[in-house]
Amino acid sequence: MNDMTHDSEALGAAKPADVDVSQPQDHYAFLADIKVRLSVEVGSVSMRVSDIMDLREGSVVELDRQVDQLIDINVNGTLVARGEVVPVKNKFGVRIAEIMSNGMAKARVERRN
């Protein structure tokens, strides 16, 4: 037996003694404390710089979304859900209306310039 075979057998046989493989484990529990940025997109619009420079107090910018459409809820720029704006005391809140599936979220991700 050469050294390489001996090493790979030893590595294959090594298992942590404190792991009970008969019990299901939450492999993602360590991710729970990671902070991410949740943002809500009401709508967007493409404008020329000259149009933006003409904006004044009281100007209205028409967005690409209808009033009755759900708004996008993004985590770190990736669409994860849709919802509706609701009042919460003196602030805005978002009521989740639908959660996106993994496949749909990947297909719907847009990078707006």
N, C-alpha and C. Protein backbone atom coordinates (compact mmCIF):
# COMPACT_ATOMS: atom_id res chain seq x y z
N MET A 1 0.85 -1.16 0.00
CA MET A 1 0.00 0.00 0.00
C MET A 1 0.89 1.23 0.00
N ASN A 2 0.60 2.18 -0.92
CA ASN A 2 1.42 3.39 -0.96
C ASN A 2 0.86 4.43 0.00
N ASP A 3 1.59 5.53 0.19
CA ASP A 3 1.19 6.56 1.15
C ASP A 3 -0.14 7.20 0.78
N MET A 4 -0.38 7.38 -0.52
CA MET A 4 -1.61 8.03 -0.97
C MET A 4 -2.82 7.17 -0.62
N THR A 5 -2.75 5.89 -0.85
CA THR A 5 -3.85 4.99 -0.51
C THR A 5 -4.08 4.98 0.99
N HIS A 6 -3.03 4.91 1.73
CA HIS A 6 -3.13 4.90 3.19
C HIS A 6 -3.80 6.17 3.71
N ASP A 7 -3.40 7.34 3.17
CA ASP A 7 -3.97 8.62 3.60
C ASP A 7 -5.45 8.72 3.26
N SER A 8 -5.84 8.30 2.06
CA SER A 8 -7.24 8.41 1.67
C SER A 8 -8.11 7.47 2.48
N GLU A 9 -7.59 6.29 2.85
CA GLU A 9 -8.36 5.38 3.69
C GLU A 9 -8.55 5.96 5.08
N ALA A 10 -7.50 6.58 5.58
CA ALA A 10 -7.59 7.18 6.92
C ALA A 10 -8.58 8.34 6.92
N LEU A 11 -8.56 9.15 5.86
CA LEU A 11 -9.50 10.27 5.78
C LEU A 11 -10.93 9.78 5.64
N GLY A 12 -11.13 8.74 4.83
CA GLY A 12 -12.47 8.20 4.64
C GLY A 12 -13.05 7.60 5.90
N ALA A 13 -12.18 7.07 6.74
CA ALA A 13 -12.64 6.44 7.96
C ALA A 13 -12.86 7.44 9.09
N ALA A 14 -12.27 8.62 8.98
CA ALA A 14 -12.37 9.60 10.06
C ALA A 14 -13.76 10.23 10.09
N LYS A 15 -14.42 10.14 11.26
CA LYS A 15 -15.74 10.75 11.45
C LYS A 15 -15.74 11.42 12.81
N PRO A 16 -16.34 12.60 12.91
CA PRO A 16 -16.41 13.25 14.22
C PRO A 16 -17.16 12.37 15.21
N ALA A 17 -16.62 12.24 16.40
CA ALA A 17 -17.22 11.36 17.40
C ALA A 17 -18.51 11.91 17.97
N ASP A 18 -18.69 13.23 17.95
CA ASP A 18 -19.86 13.83 18.58
C ASP A 18 -21.05 14.02 17.64
N VAL A 19 -21.00 13.50 16.43
CA VAL A 19 -22.09 13.64 15.48
C VAL A 19 -22.96 12.40 15.52
N ASP A 20 -24.24 12.59 15.84
CA ASP A 20 -25.20 11.49 15.85
C ASP A 20 -25.93 11.49 14.53
N VAL A 21 -25.58 10.61 13.61
CA VAL A 21 -26.17 10.61 12.27
C VAL A 21 -27.62 10.14 12.26
N SER A 22 -28.11 9.58 13.37
CA SER A 22 -29.50 9.13 13.41
C SER A 22 -30.48 10.28 13.66
N GLN A 23 -29.99 11.43 14.14
CA GLN A 23 -30.85 12.59 14.42
C GLN A 23 -30.74 13.61 13.29
N PRO A 24 -31.88 14.13 12.78
CA PRO A 24 -31.80 15.18 11.77
C PRO A 24 -31.18 16.43 12.37
N GLN A 25 -30.38 17.10 11.57
CA GLN A 25 -29.70 18.31 12.05
C GLN A 25 -30.14 19.51 11.22
N ASP A 26 -30.13 20.65 11.87
CA ASP A 26 -30.40 21.89 11.15
C ASP A 26 -29.07 22.45 10.67
N HIS A 27 -28.70 22.12 9.45
CA HIS A 27 -27.40 22.50 8.90
C HIS A 27 -27.30 24.00 8.63
N TYR A 28 -28.42 24.70 8.62
CA TYR A 28 -28.41 26.12 8.27
C TYR A 28 -28.61 27.02 9.48
N ALA A 29 -28.64 26.49 10.67
CA ALA A 29 -28.89 27.28 11.87
C ALA A 29 -27.85 28.38 12.05
N PHE A 30 -26.61 28.12 11.64
CA PHE A 30 -25.55 29.12 11.80
C PHE A 30 -25.78 30.35 10.92
N LEU A 31 -26.64 30.26 9.92
CA LEU A 31 -26.93 31.39 9.04
C LEU A 31 -27.92 32.38 9.65
N ALA A 32 -28.60 31.99 10.70
CA ALA A 32 -29.70 32.79 11.25
C ALA A 32 -29.27 34.17 11.71
N ASP A 33 -28.04 34.35 12.14
CA ASP A 33 -27.59 35.64 12.66
C ASP A 33 -26.94 36.53 11.61
N ILE A 34 -26.87 36.09 10.37
CA ILE A 34 -26.28 36.91 9.30
C ILE A 34 -27.28 37.97 8.88
N LYS A 35 -26.83 39.23 8.85
CA LYS A 35 -27.71 40.32 8.44
C LYS A 35 -27.69 40.46 6.92
N VAL A 36 -28.88 40.69 6.36
CA VAL A 36 -29.04 40.94 4.93
C VAL A 36 -29.89 42.19 4.77
N ARG A 37 -29.92 42.76 3.58
CA ARG A 37 -30.69 43.97 3.31
C ARG A 37 -32.00 43.59 2.63
N LEU A 38 -33.13 43.85 3.33
CA LEU A 38 -34.44 43.65 2.76
C LEU A 38 -34.91 45.01 2.24
N SER A 39 -35.29 45.05 0.97
CA SER A 39 -35.76 46.31 0.39
C SER A 39 -37.07 46.07 -0.34
N VAL A 40 -37.83 47.13 -0.49
CA VAL A 40 -39.13 47.07 -1.13
C VAL A 40 -39.12 48.01 -2.32
N GLU A 41 -39.55 47.50 -3.46
CA GLU A 41 -39.57 48.32 -4.67
C GLU A 41 -41.01 48.58 -5.09
N VAL A 42 -41.41 49.83 -5.01
CA VAL A 42 -42.76 50.22 -5.39
C VAL A 42 -42.89 50.27 -6.90
N GLY A 43 -41.84 50.66 -7.58
CA GLY A 43 -41.82 50.76 -9.02
C GLY A 43 -40.56 51.45 -9.47
N SER A 44 -40.41 51.60 -10.76
CA SER A 44 -39.23 52.28 -11.29
C SER A 44 -39.59 52.93 -12.62
N VAL A 45 -38.67 53.74 -13.08
CA VAL A 45 -38.84 54.41 -14.36
C VAL A 45 -37.47 54.80 -14.89
N SER A 46 -37.29 54.76 -16.18
CA SER A 46 -36.06 55.24 -16.80
C SER A 46 -36.28 56.69 -17.22
N MET A 47 -35.32 57.52 -16.87
CA MET A 47 -35.44 58.95 -17.20
C MET A 47 -34.10 59.46 -17.74
N ARG A 48 -34.17 60.47 -18.57
CA ARG A 48 -32.96 61.15 -19.02
C ARG A 48 -32.46 62.03 -17.89
N VAL A 49 -31.17 62.25 -17.85
CA VAL A 49 -30.57 63.09 -16.82
C VAL A 49 -31.19 64.49 -16.85
N SER A 50 -31.46 65.00 -18.03
CA SER A 50 -32.04 66.35 -18.12
C SER A 50 -33.43 66.40 -17.47
N ASP A 51 -34.21 65.31 -17.59
CA ASP A 51 -35.52 65.27 -16.95
C ASP A 51 -35.38 65.22 -15.42
N ILE A 52 -34.38 64.49 -14.95
CA ILE A 52 -34.14 64.43 -13.50
C ILE A 52 -33.71 65.80 -12.99
N MET A 53 -32.91 66.49 -13.76
CA MET A 53 -32.44 67.82 -13.34
C MET A 53 -33.58 68.84 -13.30
N ASP A 54 -34.64 68.59 -14.06
CA ASP A 54 -35.80 69.49 -14.08
C ASP A 54 -36.76 69.24 -12.91
N LEU A 55 -36.56 68.17 -12.13
CA LEU A 55 -37.46 67.87 -11.02
C LEU A 55 -37.37 68.96 -9.95
N ARG A 56 -38.51 69.31 -9.43
CA ARG A 56 -38.61 70.32 -8.37
C ARG A 56 -39.53 69.80 -7.28
N GLU A 57 -39.60 70.49 -6.16
CA GLU A 57 -40.56 70.12 -5.13
C GLU A 57 -41.95 70.12 -5.73
N GLY A 58 -42.70 69.08 -5.47
CA GLY A 58 -44.05 68.98 -6.02
C GLY A 58 -44.10 68.23 -7.34
N SER A 59 -42.94 67.97 -7.98
CA SER A 59 -42.93 67.20 -9.23
C SER A 59 -43.43 65.79 -8.94
N VAL A 60 -44.08 65.19 -9.92
CA VAL A 60 -44.58 63.83 -9.80
C VAL A 60 -43.88 62.97 -10.85
N VAL A 61 -43.32 61.87 -10.42
CA VAL A 61 -42.68 60.91 -11.33
C VAL A 61 -43.58 59.69 -11.42
N GLU A 62 -44.06 59.40 -12.61
CA GLU A 62 -44.95 58.24 -12.81
C GLU A 62 -44.12 56.98 -12.91
N LEU A 63 -44.44 55.99 -12.09
CA LEU A 63 -43.72 54.73 -12.07
C LEU A 63 -44.38 53.71 -12.99
N ASP A 64 -43.71 52.59 -13.19
CA ASP A 64 -44.17 51.57 -14.13
C ASP A 64 -45.12 50.55 -13.52
N ARG A 65 -45.64 50.80 -12.34
CA ARG A 65 -46.48 49.82 -11.66
C ARG A 65 -47.86 50.41 -11.42
N GLN A 66 -48.90 49.57 -11.58
CA GLN A 66 -50.27 49.99 -11.32
C GLN A 66 -50.51 50.06 -9.81
N VAL A 67 -51.43 50.88 -9.39
CA VAL A 67 -51.73 51.07 -7.97
C VAL A 67 -52.16 49.76 -7.31
N ASP A 68 -52.88 48.91 -8.03
CA ASP A 68 -53.41 47.68 -7.44
C ASP A 68 -52.44 46.49 -7.56
N GLN A 69 -51.25 46.69 -8.12
CA GLN A 69 -50.27 45.61 -8.23
C GLN A 69 -49.48 45.46 -6.94
N LEU A 70 -49.05 44.22 -6.67
CA LEU A 70 -48.20 43.95 -5.52
C LEU A 70 -46.82 44.54 -5.75
N ILE A 71 -46.15 44.89 -4.65
CA ILE A 71 -44.80 45.45 -4.75
C ILE A 71 -43.77 44.34 -4.54
N ASP A 72 -42.56 44.54 -5.06
CA ASP A 72 -41.50 43.55 -4.95
C ASP A 72 -40.77 43.68 -3.62
N ILE A 73 -40.49 42.55 -3.01
CA ILE A 73 -39.70 42.50 -1.78
C ILE A 73 -38.42 41.75 -2.12
N ASN A 74 -37.29 42.43 -1.96
CA ASN A 74 -35.99 41.88 -2.35
C ASN A 74 -35.11 41.67 -1.13
N VAL A 75 -34.31 40.63 -1.17
CA VAL A 75 -33.27 40.42 -0.18
C VAL A 75 -31.94 40.45 -0.92
N ASN A 76 -31.12 41.43 -0.57
CA ASN A 76 -29.84 41.65 -1.25
C ASN A 76 -30.01 41.69 -2.77
N GLY A 77 -31.07 42.33 -3.22
CA GLY A 77 -31.29 42.53 -4.65
C GLY A 77 -31.99 41.39 -5.37
N THR A 78 -32.34 40.33 -4.66
CA THR A 78 -33.01 39.18 -5.28
C THR A 78 -34.47 39.15 -4.83
N LEU A 79 -35.37 39.05 -5.79
CA LEU A 79 -36.80 38.99 -5.50
C LEU A 79 -37.11 37.73 -4.69
N VAL A 80 -37.71 37.91 -3.51
CA VAL A 80 -38.07 36.76 -2.67
C VAL A 80 -39.56 36.69 -2.38
N ALA A 81 -40.27 37.83 -2.52
CA ALA A 81 -41.70 37.84 -2.21
C ALA A 81 -42.34 39.06 -2.86
N ARG A 82 -43.67 39.08 -2.80
CA ARG A 82 -44.44 40.26 -3.21
C ARG A 82 -45.42 40.57 -2.10
N GLY A 83 -45.79 41.84 -1.99
CA GLY A 83 -46.69 42.21 -0.92
C GLY A 83 -47.40 43.51 -1.19
N GLU A 84 -48.06 44.03 -0.14
CA GLU A 84 -48.78 45.29 -0.26
C GLU A 84 -48.39 46.20 0.89
N VAL A 85 -48.39 47.48 0.62
CA VAL A 85 -48.04 48.47 1.64
C VAL A 85 -49.19 48.61 2.62
N VAL A 86 -48.85 48.62 3.92
CA VAL A 86 -49.84 48.80 4.98
C VAL A 86 -49.29 49.79 6.00
N PRO A 87 -50.17 50.54 6.67
CA PRO A 87 -49.69 51.43 7.73
C PRO A 87 -49.41 50.63 9.01
N VAL A 88 -48.31 50.96 9.68
CA VAL A 88 -47.97 50.36 10.97
C VAL A 88 -47.59 51.51 11.89
N LYS A 89 -48.54 51.90 12.77
CA LYS A 89 -48.39 53.08 13.62
C LYS A 89 -48.13 54.28 12.71
N ASN A 90 -46.99 54.94 12.84
CA ASN A 90 -46.70 56.10 11.99
C ASN A 90 -45.69 55.78 10.90
N LYS A 91 -45.60 54.51 10.53
CA LYS A 91 -44.62 54.09 9.53
C LYS A 91 -45.30 53.24 8.46
N PHE A 92 -44.55 52.97 7.38
CA PHE A 92 -45.01 52.04 6.36
C PHE A 92 -44.60 50.63 6.76
N GLY A 93 -45.41 49.66 6.38
CA GLY A 93 -45.07 48.25 6.54
C GLY A 93 -45.44 47.53 5.26
N VAL A 94 -45.09 46.27 5.18
CA VAL A 94 -45.41 45.46 4.00
C VAL A 94 -46.04 44.16 4.47
N ARG A 95 -47.21 43.87 3.97
CA ARG A 95 -47.87 42.59 4.24
C ARG A 95 -47.50 41.63 3.10
N ILE A 96 -46.92 40.51 3.47
CA ILE A 96 -46.48 39.52 2.47
C ILE A 96 -47.72 38.86 1.86
N ALA A 97 -47.80 38.90 0.55
CA ALA A 97 -48.93 38.30 -0.16
C ALA A 97 -48.53 36.99 -0.84
N GLU A 98 -47.28 36.90 -1.30
CA GLU A 98 -46.83 35.67 -1.94
C GLU A 98 -45.32 35.55 -1.81
N ILE A 99 -44.86 34.33 -1.58
CA ILE A 99 -43.45 34.01 -1.49
C ILE A 99 -43.05 33.39 -2.83
N MET A 100 -41.93 33.83 -3.35
CA MET A 100 -41.48 33.32 -4.64
C MET A 100 -40.78 31.98 -4.43
N SER A 101 -40.97 31.05 -5.36
CA SER A 101 -40.23 29.79 -5.31
C SER A 101 -38.81 30.05 -5.79
N ASN A 102 -37.88 29.14 -5.49
CA ASN A 102 -36.49 29.33 -5.91
C ASN A 102 -36.36 29.52 -7.41
N GLY A 103 -37.02 28.69 -8.19
CA GLY A 103 -36.92 28.80 -9.65
C GLY A 103 -37.46 30.11 -10.16
N MET A 104 -38.60 30.55 -9.62
CA MET A 104 -39.21 31.79 -10.08
C MET A 104 -38.37 32.99 -9.66
N ALA A 105 -37.81 32.96 -8.46
CA ALA A 105 -36.99 34.08 -8.00
C ALA A 105 -35.79 34.26 -8.90
N LYS A 106 -35.16 33.17 -9.28
CA LYS A 106 -33.99 33.27 -10.16
C LYS A 106 -34.39 33.79 -11.53
N ALA A 107 -35.54 33.38 -12.02
CA ALA A 107 -35.98 33.82 -13.34
C ALA A 107 -36.40 35.29 -13.34
N ARG A 108 -36.84 35.80 -12.20
CA ARG A 108 -37.40 37.14 -12.12
C ARG A 108 -36.38 38.21 -11.74
N VAL A 109 -35.17 37.79 -11.32
CA VAL A 109 -34.18 38.77 -10.87
C VAL A 109 -33.85 39.71 -12.02
N GLU A 110 -33.96 40.99 -11.76
CA GLU A 110 -33.65 42.00 -12.76
C GLU A 110 -32.63 42.95 -12.20
N ARG A 111 -31.68 43.34 -13.00
CA ARG A 111 -30.73 44.36 -12.62
C ARG A 111 -31.10 45.60 -13.40
N ARG A 112 -31.58 46.60 -12.69
CA ARG A 112 -32.03 47.82 -13.36
C ARG A 112 -30.93 48.85 -13.37
N ASN A 113 -30.73 49.43 -14.52
CA ASN A 113 -29.66 50.43 -14.68
C ASN A 113 -30.20 51.82 -14.67
